[in-house]
Amino acid sequence: MNTFCTIITSDYIPFAKALFNSLQKYNNSCLIHVLIADNDRNFEVTENFHTISLSEISENKLFKEIEKKYAYTNSDFFRWSLKPILMRYLLEREFEKVIFLDPDIYFVGNYNFLFDKLDTSSMLLTPHWSNTDPYFLEESLIYILRNGLFNAGFVGACKKGIDALKWWAEACHMNIAKREELGIYVDQKYLDVLPVEFPGVEIVRHRGCNIACWNMNSNKRSMVDGKLLINNQFEPVFIHFTKDTIRHILNLNDYQLRPYLDEYANEFTKQGFQLQELLAGIDIQEKHTILKKIKRKVLLKTRLKRWLLKISKSI
């Protein structure tokens, strides 16, 4: 049996429901397990939408150490460090395959092939797919080297991946911080190690997975015969609607995703909420102006670098 899972605080229940509704469109028998990190009781249980309390995963020895270290000092660090513990908890019970998702993810295409990949792979990771061309966008390459090759908003595993999950949890317990000088970026940067140290870790190369603002430049969006394609090849599977992703869509920097954002926002409206209110508002115009300035500077720098490179090659 397979399941999805996510971790939220109780005020993010609408996001978990929107995520679940998107999953059901492509498999109405899918399951999701939602760990509520600030509430030690179960609620909102339906047939396939299950909540988990902290007390249920507290049997894990490392949980108590992580709780002691982060729960009362940084709630974000606490939640992020619980990802491998929650996944392992589910795998050590009746589930053969588990996919963790951030609650702000929304599915717009068939995802069943992802579980199929876990027939032969121990874990699944999705790259950020940020542009890594040092002559195009230096800042993008530096960003990915600092923050990690893979996005921790999606991680899949089967029982063969339990050892890797155990290592990831131990690494998070050791240190979960934003310390560039140490090569640490919360729970995410540790994922770079997994394909090297553990067998069977697969990199998902479908560019329709984890569409977000950070891959606008390398995962080109285009309309082909009335359908959105990524790099003229991949149909969208899921979009990571972070605040920055939403901001770029509203600013028309990633305008091709607007129909999907409208669909996503409607999921909240049906629950009696307004998406922008839940996100505490998004400053559109100011960010638009800043982005344009940065973009102009980057283009000028890029052209200058390429010009100098051509000169150096001709000498």
C-alpha atoms as a PDB file:
ATOM      1  CA  MET A   1       0.000   0.000   0.000  1.00  0.00           C
ATOM      2  CA  ASN A   2       1.182   3.532  -0.813  1.00  0.00           C
ATOM      3  CA  THR A   3       0.597   6.899   0.814  1.00  0.00           C
ATOM      4  CA  PHE A   4       1.498  10.547   0.553  1.00  0.00           C
ATOM      5  CA  CYS A   5       2.356  12.533   3.664  1.00  0.00           C
ATOM      6  CA  THR A   6       2.938  16.117   4.713  1.00  0.00           C
ATOM      7  CA  ILE A   7       3.705  18.117   7.864  1.00  0.00           C
ATOM      8  CA  ILE A   8       1.781  21.229   8.850  1.00  0.00           C
ATOM      9  CA  THR A   9       0.761  23.438  11.719  1.00  0.00           C
ATOM     10  CA  SER A  10      -2.970  23.429  12.408  1.00  0.00           C
ATOM     11  CA  ASP A  11      -3.530  26.729  10.561  1.00  0.00           C
ATOM     12  CA  TYR A  12      -2.315  25.052   7.364  1.00  0.00           C
ATOM     13  CA  ILE A  13      -5.149  22.514   7.231  1.00  0.00           C
ATOM     14  CA  PRO A  14      -6.629  24.337   4.178  1.00  0.00           C
ATOM     15  CA  PHE A  15      -3.327  23.827   2.317  1.00  0.00           C
ATOM     16  CA  ALA A  16      -3.260  20.120   3.158  1.00  0.00           C
ATOM     17  CA  LYS A  17      -6.838  19.792   1.911  1.00  0.00           C
ATOM     18  CA  ALA A  18      -6.040  21.626  -1.333  1.00  0.00           C
ATOM     19  CA  LEU A  19      -3.066  19.297  -1.849  1.00  0.00           C
ATOM     20  CA  PHE A  20      -5.215  16.235  -1.145  1.00  0.00           C
ATOM     21  CA  ASN A  21      -7.977  17.378  -3.509  1.00  0.00           C
ATOM     22  CA  SER A  22      -5.426  17.761  -6.299  1.00  0.00           C
ATOM     23  CA  LEU A  23      -4.117  14.243  -5.653  1.00  0.00           C
ATOM     24  CA  GLN A  24      -7.605  12.760  -5.774  1.00  0.00           C
ATOM     25  CA  LYS A  25      -8.204  14.104  -9.272  1.00  0.00           C
ATOM     26  CA  TYR A  26      -5.732  11.549 -10.609  1.00  0.00           C
ATOM     27  CA  ASN A  27      -6.424   8.712  -8.164  1.00  0.00           C
ATOM     28  CA  ASN A  28      -9.551   8.917  -6.033  1.00  0.00           C
ATOM     29  CA  SER A  29      -8.344   6.100  -3.788  1.00  0.00           C
ATOM     30  CA  CYS A  30      -5.072   7.822  -2.834  1.00  0.00           C
ATOM     31  CA  LEU A  31      -4.168   8.281   0.823  1.00  0.00           C
ATOM     32  CA  ILE A  32      -2.501  11.143   2.643  1.00  0.00           C
ATOM     33  CA  HIS A  33      -1.196  11.242   6.220  1.00  0.00           C
ATOM     34  CA  VAL A  34      -0.884  14.706   7.723  1.00  0.00           C
ATOM     35  CA  LEU A  35       1.353  15.246  10.748  1.00  0.00           C
ATOM     36  CA  ILE A  36       0.153  18.253  12.735  1.00  0.00           C
ATOM     37  CA  ALA A  37       3.248  19.572  14.473  1.00  0.00           C
ATOM     38  CA  ASP A  38       1.576  21.992  16.890  1.00  0.00           C
ATOM     39  CA  ASN A  39      -1.368  19.899  17.994  1.00  0.00           C
ATOM     40  CA  ASP A  40      -1.240  16.627  19.893  1.00  0.00           C
ATOM     41  CA  ARG A  41      -4.614  15.308  18.840  1.00  0.00           C
ATOM     42  CA  ASN A  42      -6.210  13.871  15.727  1.00  0.00           C
ATOM     43  CA  PHE A  43      -8.947  15.658  13.836  1.00  0.00           C
ATOM     44  CA  GLU A  44     -10.285  16.208  10.319  1.00  0.00           C
ATOM     45  CA  VAL A  45     -10.167  12.467   9.656  1.00  0.00           C
ATOM     46  CA  THR A  46     -11.977  11.302   6.530  1.00  0.00           C
ATOM     47  CA  GLU A  47     -11.783   8.060   4.601  1.00  0.00           C
ATOM     48  CA  ASN A  48      -8.447   8.806   2.901  1.00  0.00           C
ATOM     49  CA  PHE A  49      -7.298  11.957   4.712  1.00  0.00           C
ATOM     50  CA  HIS A  50      -5.657  10.954   7.991  1.00  0.00           C
ATOM     51  CA  THR A  51      -4.015  13.138  10.602  1.00  0.00           C
ATOM     52  CA  ILE A  52      -1.184  12.051  12.867  1.00  0.00           C
ATOM     53  CA  SER A  53      -0.304  13.537  16.233  1.00  0.00           C
ATOM     54  CA  LEU A  54       3.224  14.033  17.532  1.00  0.00           C
ATOM     55  CA  SER A  55       2.635  11.411  20.216  1.00  0.00           C
ATOM     56  CA  GLU A  56       2.177   8.744  17.527  1.00  0.00           C
ATOM     57  CA  ILE A  57       5.677   9.185  16.106  1.00  0.00           C
ATOM     58  CA  SER A  58       7.305   9.743  19.504  1.00  0.00           C
ATOM     59  CA  GLU A  59       8.335   6.067  19.700  1.00  0.00           C
ATOM     60  CA  ASN A  60      11.255   6.913  17.439  1.00  0.00           C
ATOM     61  CA  LYS A  61      14.281   7.452  19.709  1.00  0.00           C
ATOM     62  CA  LEU A  62      15.573  10.333  17.639  1.00  0.00           C
ATOM     63  CA  PHE A  63      12.217  12.107  17.819  1.00  0.00           C
ATOM     64  CA  LYS A  64      12.679  12.970  21.487  1.00  0.00           C
ATOM     65  CA  GLU A  65      16.164  14.353  20.835  1.00  0.00           C
ATOM     66  CA  ILE A  66      14.928  16.443  17.915  1.00  0.00           C
ATOM     67  CA  GLU A  67      11.962  17.663  19.953  1.00  0.00           C
ATOM     68  CA  LYS A  68      14.260  18.671  22.804  1.00  0.00           C
ATOM     69  CA  LYS A  69      16.626  20.507  20.459  1.00  0.00           C
ATOM     70  CA  TYR A  70      14.203  22.353  18.154  1.00  0.00           C
ATOM     71  CA  ALA A  71      10.552  22.217  19.264  1.00  0.00           C
ATOM     72  CA  TYR A  72      10.813  25.046  21.772  1.00  0.00           C
ATOM     73  CA  THR A  73      13.353  27.210  19.952  1.00  0.00           C
ATOM     74  CA  ASN A  74      12.469  27.104  16.241  1.00  0.00           C
ATOM     75  CA  SER A  75       9.188  25.569  15.068  1.00  0.00           C
ATOM     76  CA  ASP A  76      10.297  25.592  11.412  1.00  0.00           C
ATOM     77  CA  PHE A  77      13.444  23.618  12.162  1.00  0.00           C
ATOM     78  CA  PHE A  78      11.372  21.208  14.232  1.00  0.00           C
ATOM     79  CA  ARG A  79       8.894  20.528  11.406  1.00  0.00           C
ATOM     80  CA  TRP A  80      11.557  20.199   8.729  1.00  0.00           C
ATOM     81  CA  SER A  81      13.601  17.742  10.780  1.00  0.00           C
ATOM     82  CA  LEU A  82      10.541  15.511  11.228  1.00  0.00           C
ATOM     83  CA  LYS A  83      10.247  14.679   7.507  1.00  0.00           C
ATOM     84  CA  PRO A  84      12.478  11.570   7.560  1.00  0.00           C
ATOM     85  CA  ILE A  85      11.002  10.459  10.882  1.00  0.00           C
ATOM     86  CA  LEU A  86       7.438  10.648   9.566  1.00  0.00           C
ATOM     87  CA  MET A  87       8.356   8.807   6.368  1.00  0.00           C
ATOM     88  CA  ARG A  88      10.127   6.080   8.310  1.00  0.00           C
ATOM     89  CA  TYR A  89       7.177   5.800  10.719  1.00  0.00           C
ATOM     90  CA  LEU A  90       4.836   5.074   7.796  1.00  0.00           C
ATOM     91  CA  LEU A  91       7.237   2.687   6.039  1.00  0.00           C
ATOM     92  CA  GLU A  92       7.730   0.637   9.201  1.00  0.00           C
ATOM     93  CA  ARG A  93       3.997   0.062   9.336  1.00  0.00           C
ATOM     94  CA  GLU A  94       1.766  -1.141   6.511  1.00  0.00           C
ATOM     95  CA  PHE A  95       3.030   1.134   3.739  1.00  0.00           C
ATOM     96  CA  GLU A  96       5.417  -0.025   1.025  1.00  0.00           C
ATOM     97  CA  LYS A  97       5.977   3.371  -0.596  1.00  0.00           C
ATOM     98  CA  VAL A  98       5.725   6.888   0.832  1.00  0.00           C
ATOM     99  CA  ILE A  99       6.019  10.279  -0.857  1.00  0.00           C
ATOM    100  CA  PHE A 100       6.498  13.369   1.299  1.00  0.00           C
ATOM    101  CA  LEU A 101       5.131  16.640  -0.075  1.00  0.00           C
ATOM    102  CA  ASP A 102       5.254  20.198   1.178  1.00  0.00           C
ATOM    103  CA  PRO A 103       1.693  21.391   1.834  1.00  0.00           C
ATOM    104  CA  ASP A 104       1.980  24.198  -0.742  1.00  0.00           C
ATOM    105  CA  ILE A 105       2.357  21.742  -3.614  1.00  0.00           C
ATOM    106  CA  TYR A 106      -0.522  21.270  -6.058  1.00  0.00           C
ATOM    107  CA  PHE A 107      -0.879  18.502  -8.644  1.00  0.00           C
ATOM    108  CA  VAL A 108      -2.030  19.340 -12.152  1.00  0.00           C
ATOM    109  CA  GLY A 109      -1.122  16.089 -13.907  1.00  0.00           C
ATOM    110  CA  ASN A 110      -0.977  12.336 -13.435  1.00  0.00           C
ATOM    111  CA  TYR A 111       1.589  11.375 -10.809  1.00  0.00           C
ATOM    112  CA  ASN A 112       1.163   7.602 -10.593  1.00  0.00           C
ATOM    113  CA  PHE A 113       4.455   7.006 -12.432  1.00  0.00           C
ATOM    114  CA  LEU A 114       6.271   8.380  -9.365  1.00  0.00           C
ATOM    115  CA  PHE A 115       5.123   5.479  -7.189  1.00  0.00           C
ATOM    116  CA  ASP A 116       6.022   3.102 -10.048  1.00  0.00           C
ATOM    117  CA  LYS A 117       9.599   4.408  -9.931  1.00  0.00           C
ATOM    118  CA  LEU A 118       9.856   3.142  -6.354  1.00  0.00           C
ATOM    119  CA  ASP A 119       9.529  -0.428  -7.648  1.00  0.00           C
ATOM    120  CA  THR A 120      13.182  -0.202  -8.672  1.00  0.00           C
ATOM    121  CA  SER A 121      14.490   2.783  -6.677  1.00  0.00           C
ATOM    122  CA  SER A 122      14.995   3.213  -2.941  1.00  0.00           C
ATOM    123  CA  MET A 123      14.328   6.957  -2.937  1.00  0.00           C
ATOM    124  CA  LEU A 124      13.218   9.734  -5.286  1.00  0.00           C
ATOM    125  CA  LEU A 125      14.560  13.295  -5.360  1.00  0.00           C
ATOM    126  CA  THR A 126      13.595  16.234  -7.572  1.00  0.00           C
ATOM    127  CA  PRO A 127      16.267  18.762  -8.618  1.00  0.00           C
ATOM    128  CA  HIS A 128      15.625  22.469  -8.330  1.00  0.00           C
ATOM    129  CA  TRP A 129      16.583  22.727 -12.009  1.00  0.00           C
ATOM    130  CA  SER A 130      17.871  26.242 -11.451  1.00  0.00           C
ATOM    131  CA  ASN A 131      20.042  27.543 -14.266  1.00  0.00           C
ATOM    132  CA  THR A 132      23.648  26.458 -13.664  1.00  0.00           C
ATOM    133  CA  ASP A 133      25.294  28.200 -16.619  1.00  0.00           C
ATOM    134  CA  PRO A 134      27.973  30.392 -14.973  1.00  0.00           C
ATOM    135  CA  TYR A 135      27.959  32.734 -17.984  1.00  0.00           C
ATOM    136  CA  PHE A 136      24.185  33.195 -18.001  1.00  0.00           C
ATOM    137  CA  LEU A 137      23.179  33.725 -14.401  1.00  0.00           C
ATOM    138  CA  GLU A 138      25.992  33.486 -11.874  1.00  0.00           C
ATOM    139  CA  GLU A 139      23.637  34.177  -8.959  1.00  0.00           C
ATOM    140  CA  SER A 140      21.515  31.156  -9.879  1.00  0.00           C
ATOM    141  CA  LEU A 141      24.498  28.802  -9.809  1.00  0.00           C
ATOM    142  CA  ILE A 142      25.666  30.185  -6.469  1.00  0.00           C
ATOM    143  CA  TYR A 143      22.143  29.844  -5.072  1.00  0.00           C
ATOM    144  CA  ILE A 144      21.947  26.156  -5.950  1.00  0.00           C
ATOM    145  CA  LEU A 145      25.414  25.429  -4.541  1.00  0.00           C
ATOM    146  CA  ARG A 146      24.444  27.096  -1.271  1.00  0.00           C
ATOM    147  CA  ASN A 147      20.911  25.785  -0.869  1.00  0.00           C
ATOM    148  CA  GLY A 148      21.109  22.326  -2.377  1.00  0.00           C
ATOM    149  CA  LEU A 149      20.722  20.537  -5.689  1.00  0.00           C
ATOM    150  CA  PHE A 150      17.410  18.993  -4.661  1.00  0.00           C
ATOM    151  CA  ASN A 151      14.200  20.446  -3.290  1.00  0.00           C
ATOM    152  CA  ALA A 152      13.154  19.001   0.061  1.00  0.00           C
ATOM    153  CA  GLY A 153       9.484  19.690  -0.699  1.00  0.00           C
ATOM    154  CA  PHE A 154       9.316  16.333  -2.476  1.00  0.00           C
ATOM    155  CA  VAL A 155      10.994  13.131  -1.285  1.00  0.00           C
ATOM    156  CA  GLY A 156       9.870   9.606  -2.115  1.00  0.00           C
ATOM    157  CA  ALA A 157      11.003   6.381  -0.452  1.00  0.00           C
ATOM    158  CA  CYS A 158      10.225   2.697  -0.184  1.00  0.00           C
ATOM    159  CA  LYS A 159      11.371   0.302   2.534  1.00  0.00           C
ATOM    160  CA  LYS A 160      14.788  -0.010   0.858  1.00  0.00           C
ATOM    161  CA  GLY A 161      15.287   3.681   1.603  1.00  0.00           C
ATOM    162  CA  ILE A 162      14.901   3.417   5.382  1.00  0.00           C
ATOM    163  CA  ASP A 163      18.669   3.521   5.994  1.00  0.00           C
ATOM    164  CA  ALA A 164      18.934   6.748   3.990  1.00  0.00           C
ATOM    165  CA  LEU A 165      16.007   8.246   5.926  1.00  0.00           C
ATOM    166  CA  LYS A 166      17.702   7.287   9.189  1.00  0.00           C
ATOM    167  CA  TRP A 167      20.893   9.081   8.092  1.00  0.00           C
ATOM    168  CA  TRP A 168      18.909  12.157   7.005  1.00  0.00           C
ATOM    169  CA  ALA A 169      17.189  12.340  10.393  1.00  0.00           C
ATOM    170  CA  GLU A 170      20.533  12.031  12.195  1.00  0.00           C
ATOM    171  CA  ALA A 171      22.007  14.807  10.038  1.00  0.00           C
ATOM    172  CA  CYS A 172      19.042  17.064  10.843  1.00  0.00           C
ATOM    173  CA  HIS A 173      19.489  16.310  14.529  1.00  0.00           C
ATOM    174  CA  MET A 174      23.183  17.190  14.297  1.00  0.00           C
ATOM    175  CA  ASN A 175      22.474  20.635  12.835  1.00  0.00           C
ATOM    176  CA  ILE A 176      19.584  22.188  10.979  1.00  0.00           C
ATOM    177  CA  ALA A 177      20.388  25.804  10.249  1.00  0.00           C
ATOM    178  CA  LYS A 178      21.111  28.290   7.488  1.00  0.00           C
ATOM    179  CA  ARG A 179      24.905  28.283   7.711  1.00  0.00           C
ATOM    180  CA  GLU A 180      26.450  28.771   4.289  1.00  0.00           C
ATOM    181  CA  GLU A 181      29.966  28.783   5.718  1.00  0.00           C
ATOM    182  CA  LEU A 182      29.343  25.252   7.049  1.00  0.00           C
ATOM    183  CA  GLY A 183      27.698  23.986   3.876  1.00  0.00           C
ATOM    184  CA  ILE A 184      24.403  23.547   5.737  1.00  0.00           C
ATOM    185  CA  TYR A 185      21.015  24.709   4.548  1.00  0.00           C
ATOM    186  CA  VAL A 186      18.287  23.430   6.904  1.00  0.00           C
ATOM    187  CA  ASP A 187      17.148  19.876   6.047  1.00  0.00           C
ATOM    188  CA  GLN A 188      17.592  20.367   2.306  1.00  0.00           C
ATOM    189  CA  LYS A 189      21.339  20.499   1.622  1.00  0.00           C
ATOM    190  CA  TYR A 190      21.801  17.067   3.206  1.00  0.00           C
ATOM    191  CA  LEU A 191      19.859  15.549   0.305  1.00  0.00           C
ATOM    192  CA  ASP A 192      22.908  16.170  -1.930  1.00  0.00           C
ATOM    193  CA  VAL A 193      24.646  13.333  -0.067  1.00  0.00           C
ATOM    194  CA  LEU A 194      21.986  10.667  -0.596  1.00  0.00           C
ATOM    195  CA  PRO A 195      22.679   9.668  -4.251  1.00  0.00           C
ATOM    196  CA  VAL A 196      26.369   9.310  -3.387  1.00  0.00           C
ATOM    197  CA  GLU A 197      26.123   7.346  -0.145  1.00  0.00           C
ATOM    198  CA  PHE A 198      23.023   5.193  -0.633  1.00  0.00           C
ATOM    199  CA  PRO A 199      22.204   2.782  -3.479  1.00  0.00           C
ATOM    200  CA  GLY A 200      19.087   3.178  -5.560  1.00  0.00           C
ATOM    201  CA  VAL A 201      18.453   6.890  -4.999  1.00  0.00           C
ATOM    202  CA  GLU A 202      16.867   8.128  -8.234  1.00  0.00           C
ATOM    203  CA  ILE A 203      16.830  11.675  -9.528  1.00  0.00           C
ATOM    204  CA  VAL A 204      13.436  12.404 -11.101  1.00  0.00           C
ATOM    205  CA  ARG A 205      14.239  13.941 -14.478  1.00  0.00           C
ATOM    206  CA  HIS A 206      10.677  14.706 -15.521  1.00  0.00           C
ATOM    207  CA  ARG A 207      10.799  18.501 -15.806  1.00  0.00           C
ATOM    208  CA  GLY A 208       7.078  18.764 -15.068  1.00  0.00           C
ATOM    209  CA  CYS A 209       7.754  17.868 -11.444  1.00  0.00           C
ATOM    210  CA  ASN A 210       8.289  20.630  -8.878  1.00  0.00           C
ATOM    211  CA  ILE A 211       7.627  23.556 -11.211  1.00  0.00           C
ATOM    212  CA  ALA A 212       8.426  26.788  -9.350  1.00  0.00           C
ATOM    213  CA  CYS A 213      10.005  30.217  -9.662  1.00  0.00           C
ATOM    214  CA  TRP A 214      13.511  28.819  -9.157  1.00  0.00           C
ATOM    215  CA  ASN A 215      13.392  26.912 -12.466  1.00  0.00           C
ATOM    216  CA  MET A 216      11.805  29.575 -14.700  1.00  0.00           C
ATOM    217  CA  ASN A 217      15.032  30.052 -16.661  1.00  0.00           C
ATOM    218  CA  SER A 218      15.926  26.399 -17.257  1.00  0.00           C
ATOM    219  CA  ASN A 219      12.464  24.812 -17.454  1.00  0.00           C
ATOM    220  CA  LYS A 220      11.007  26.957 -20.220  1.00  0.00           C
ATOM    221  CA  ARG A 221       7.225  27.275 -20.246  1.00  0.00           C
ATOM    222  CA  SER A 222       5.532  27.359 -23.650  1.00  0.00           C
ATOM    223  CA  MET A 223       2.082  26.796 -25.116  1.00  0.00           C
ATOM    224  CA  VAL A 224       1.990  24.036 -27.747  1.00  0.00           C
ATOM    225  CA  ASP A 225      -1.353  23.281 -29.393  1.00  0.00           C
ATOM    226  CA  GLY A 226      -3.137  24.950 -26.507  1.00  0.00           C
ATOM    227  CA  LYS A 227      -1.265  22.965 -23.829  1.00  0.00           C
ATOM    228  CA  LEU A 228       1.478  24.096 -21.493  1.00  0.00           C
ATOM    229  CA  LEU A 229       4.715  22.188 -21.975  1.00  0.00           C
ATOM    230  CA  ILE A 230       8.004  22.424 -20.126  1.00  0.00           C
ATOM    231  CA  ASN A 231      10.967  22.615 -22.502  1.00  0.00           C
ATOM    232  CA  ASN A 232       8.557  21.680 -25.330  1.00  0.00           C
ATOM    233  CA  GLN A 233       8.450  18.136 -23.976  1.00  0.00           C
ATOM    234  CA  PHE A 234       7.077  17.638 -20.466  1.00  0.00           C
ATOM    235  CA  GLU A 235       3.504  18.146 -19.319  1.00  0.00           C
ATOM    236  CA  PRO A 236       3.165  19.749 -15.864  1.00  0.00           C
ATOM    237  CA  VAL A 237       2.754  17.269 -13.008  1.00  0.00           C
ATOM    238  CA  PHE A 238       2.945  19.420  -9.893  1.00  0.00           C
ATOM    239  CA  ILE A 239       3.603  23.052  -9.047  1.00  0.00           C
ATOM    240  CA  HIS A 240       5.260  24.286  -5.862  1.00  0.00           C
ATOM    241  CA  PHE A 241       3.188  27.342  -4.949  1.00  0.00           C
ATOM    242  CA  THR A 242       5.609  29.080  -2.612  1.00  0.00           C
ATOM    243  CA  LYS A 243       5.047  32.778  -1.950  1.00  0.00           C
ATOM    244  CA  ASP A 244       7.786  33.642  -4.435  1.00  0.00           C
ATOM    245  CA  THR A 245       6.285  31.377  -7.096  1.00  0.00           C
ATOM    246  CA  ILE A 246       2.884  33.035  -6.638  1.00  0.00           C
ATOM    247  CA  ARG A 247       4.493  36.483  -6.711  1.00  0.00           C
ATOM    248  CA  HIS A 248       6.233  35.754 -10.012  1.00  0.00           C
ATOM    249  CA  ILE A 249       2.973  34.516 -11.542  1.00  0.00           C
ATOM    250  CA  LEU A 250       1.057  37.604 -10.435  1.00  0.00           C
ATOM    251  CA  ASN A 251       3.860  39.855 -11.685  1.00  0.00           C
ATOM    252  CA  LEU A 252       3.596  38.193 -15.115  1.00  0.00           C
ATOM    253  CA  ASN A 253       7.167  36.901 -14.867  1.00  0.00           C
ATOM    254  CA  ASP A 254       5.733  33.366 -14.979  1.00  0.00           C
ATOM    255  CA  TYR A 255       2.372  34.207 -16.528  1.00  0.00           C
ATOM    256  CA  GLN A 256       1.860  30.803 -18.216  1.00  0.00           C
ATOM    257  CA  LEU A 257       1.150  29.341 -14.770  1.00  0.00           C
ATOM    258  CA  ARG A 258      -1.706  31.772 -14.066  1.00  0.00           C
ATOM    259  CA  PRO A 259      -4.533  29.324 -14.974  1.00  0.00           C
ATOM    260  CA  TYR A 260      -3.088  26.834 -12.485  1.00  0.00           C
ATOM    261  CA  LEU A 261      -2.810  29.506  -9.798  1.00  0.00           C
ATOM    262  CA  ASP A 262      -6.457  30.430 -10.350  1.00  0.00           C
ATOM    263  CA  GLU A 263      -7.413  26.770  -9.993  1.00  0.00           C
ATOM    264  CA  TYR A 264      -5.326  26.515  -6.821  1.00  0.00           C
ATOM    265  CA  ALA A 265      -6.875  29.655  -5.326  1.00  0.00           C
ATOM    266  CA  ASN A 266     -10.330  28.260  -6.058  1.00  0.00           C
ATOM    267  CA  GLU A 267      -9.552  25.267  -3.831  1.00  0.00           C
ATOM    268  CA  PHE A 268      -9.294  27.684  -0.902  1.00  0.00           C
ATOM    269  CA  THR A 269     -12.384  29.627  -1.918  1.00  0.00           C
ATOM    270  CA  LYS A 270     -14.381  26.380  -1.797  1.00  0.00           C
ATOM    271  CA  GLN A 271     -13.188  25.962   1.795  1.00  0.00           C
ATOM    272  CA  GLY A 272     -14.242  29.512   2.704  1.00  0.00           C
ATOM    273  CA  PHE A 273     -10.752  31.053   2.597  1.00  0.00           C
ATOM    274  CA  GLN A 274      -8.860  33.518   0.412  1.00  0.00           C
ATOM    275  CA  LEU A 275      -5.401  32.289  -0.571  1.00  0.00           C
ATOM    276  CA  GLN A 276      -3.703  35.690  -0.368  1.00  0.00           C
ATOM    277  CA  GLU A 277      -5.141  36.279   3.102  1.00  0.00           C
ATOM    278  CA  LEU A 278      -3.765  32.945   4.287  1.00  0.00           C
ATOM    279  CA  LEU A 279      -0.367  33.945   2.919  1.00  0.00           C
ATOM    280  CA  ALA A 280      -0.551  37.257   4.808  1.00  0.00           C
ATOM    281  CA  GLY A 281      -0.625  39.218   1.564  1.00  0.00           C
ATOM    282  CA  ILE A 282       1.876  39.412  -1.262  1.00  0.00           C
ATOM    283  CA  ASP A 283       3.552  42.671  -2.241  1.00  0.00           C
ATOM    284  CA  ILE A 284       3.319  42.493  -6.015  1.00  0.00           C
ATOM    285  CA  GLN A 285       4.343  45.870  -7.427  1.00  0.00           C
ATOM    286  CA  GLU A 286       7.451  46.410  -5.322  1.00  0.00           C
ATOM    287  CA  LYS A 287       8.839  42.976  -6.092  1.00  0.00           C
ATOM    288  CA  HIS A 288       8.025  43.472  -9.768  1.00  0.00           C
ATOM    289  CA  THR A 289      10.123  46.659  -9.855  1.00  0.00           C
ATOM    290  CA  ILE A 290      13.036  45.055  -8.017  1.00  0.00           C
ATOM    291  CA  LEU A 291      12.923  41.994 -10.249  1.00  0.00           C
ATOM    292  CA  LYS A 292      13.057  44.116 -13.394  1.00  0.00           C
ATOM    293  CA  LYS A 293      16.096  45.984 -12.070  1.00  0.00           C
ATOM    294  CA  ILE A 294      17.880  42.750 -11.190  1.00  0.00           C
ATOM    295  CA  LYS A 295      16.992  41.229 -14.535  1.00  0.00           C
ATOM    296  CA  ARG A 296      18.449  44.201 -16.417  1.00  0.00           C
ATOM    297  CA  LYS A 297      21.655  44.062 -14.365  1.00  0.00           C
ATOM    298  CA  VAL A 298      21.994  40.315 -14.905  1.00  0.00           C
ATOM    299  CA  LEU A 299      21.487  40.619 -18.660  1.00  0.00           C
ATOM    300  CA  LEU A 300      24.113  43.367 -18.893  1.00  0.00           C
ATOM    301  CA  LYS A 301      26.584  41.322 -16.840  1.00  0.00           C
ATOM    302  CA  THR A 302      25.861  38.230 -18.923  1.00  0.00           C
ATOM    303  CA  ARG A 303      26.388  39.985 -22.235  1.00  0.00           C
ATOM    304  CA  LEU A 304      29.620  41.543 -20.999  1.00  0.00           C
ATOM    305  CA  LYS A 305      30.934  38.168 -19.790  1.00  0.00           C
ATOM    306  CA  ARG A 306      30.107  36.463 -23.075  1.00  0.00           C
ATOM    307  CA  TRP A 307      31.722  39.277 -25.041  1.00  0.00           C
ATOM    308  CA  LEU A 308      34.900  39.050 -22.956  1.00  0.00           C
ATOM    309  CA  LEU A 309      34.902  35.260 -23.302  1.00  0.00           C
ATOM    310  CA  LYS A 310      34.702  35.499 -27.093  1.00  0.00           C
ATOM    311  CA  ILE A 311      37.586  37.986 -27.131  1.00  0.00           C
ATOM    312  CA  SER A 312      39.729  35.754 -24.906  1.00  0.00           C
ATOM    313  CA  LYS A 313      39.116  32.752 -27.187  1.00  0.00           C
ATOM    314  CA  SER A 314      40.076  34.708 -30.281  1.00  0.00           C
ATOM    315  CA  ILE A 315      43.382  35.901 -28.815  1.00  0.00           C
END
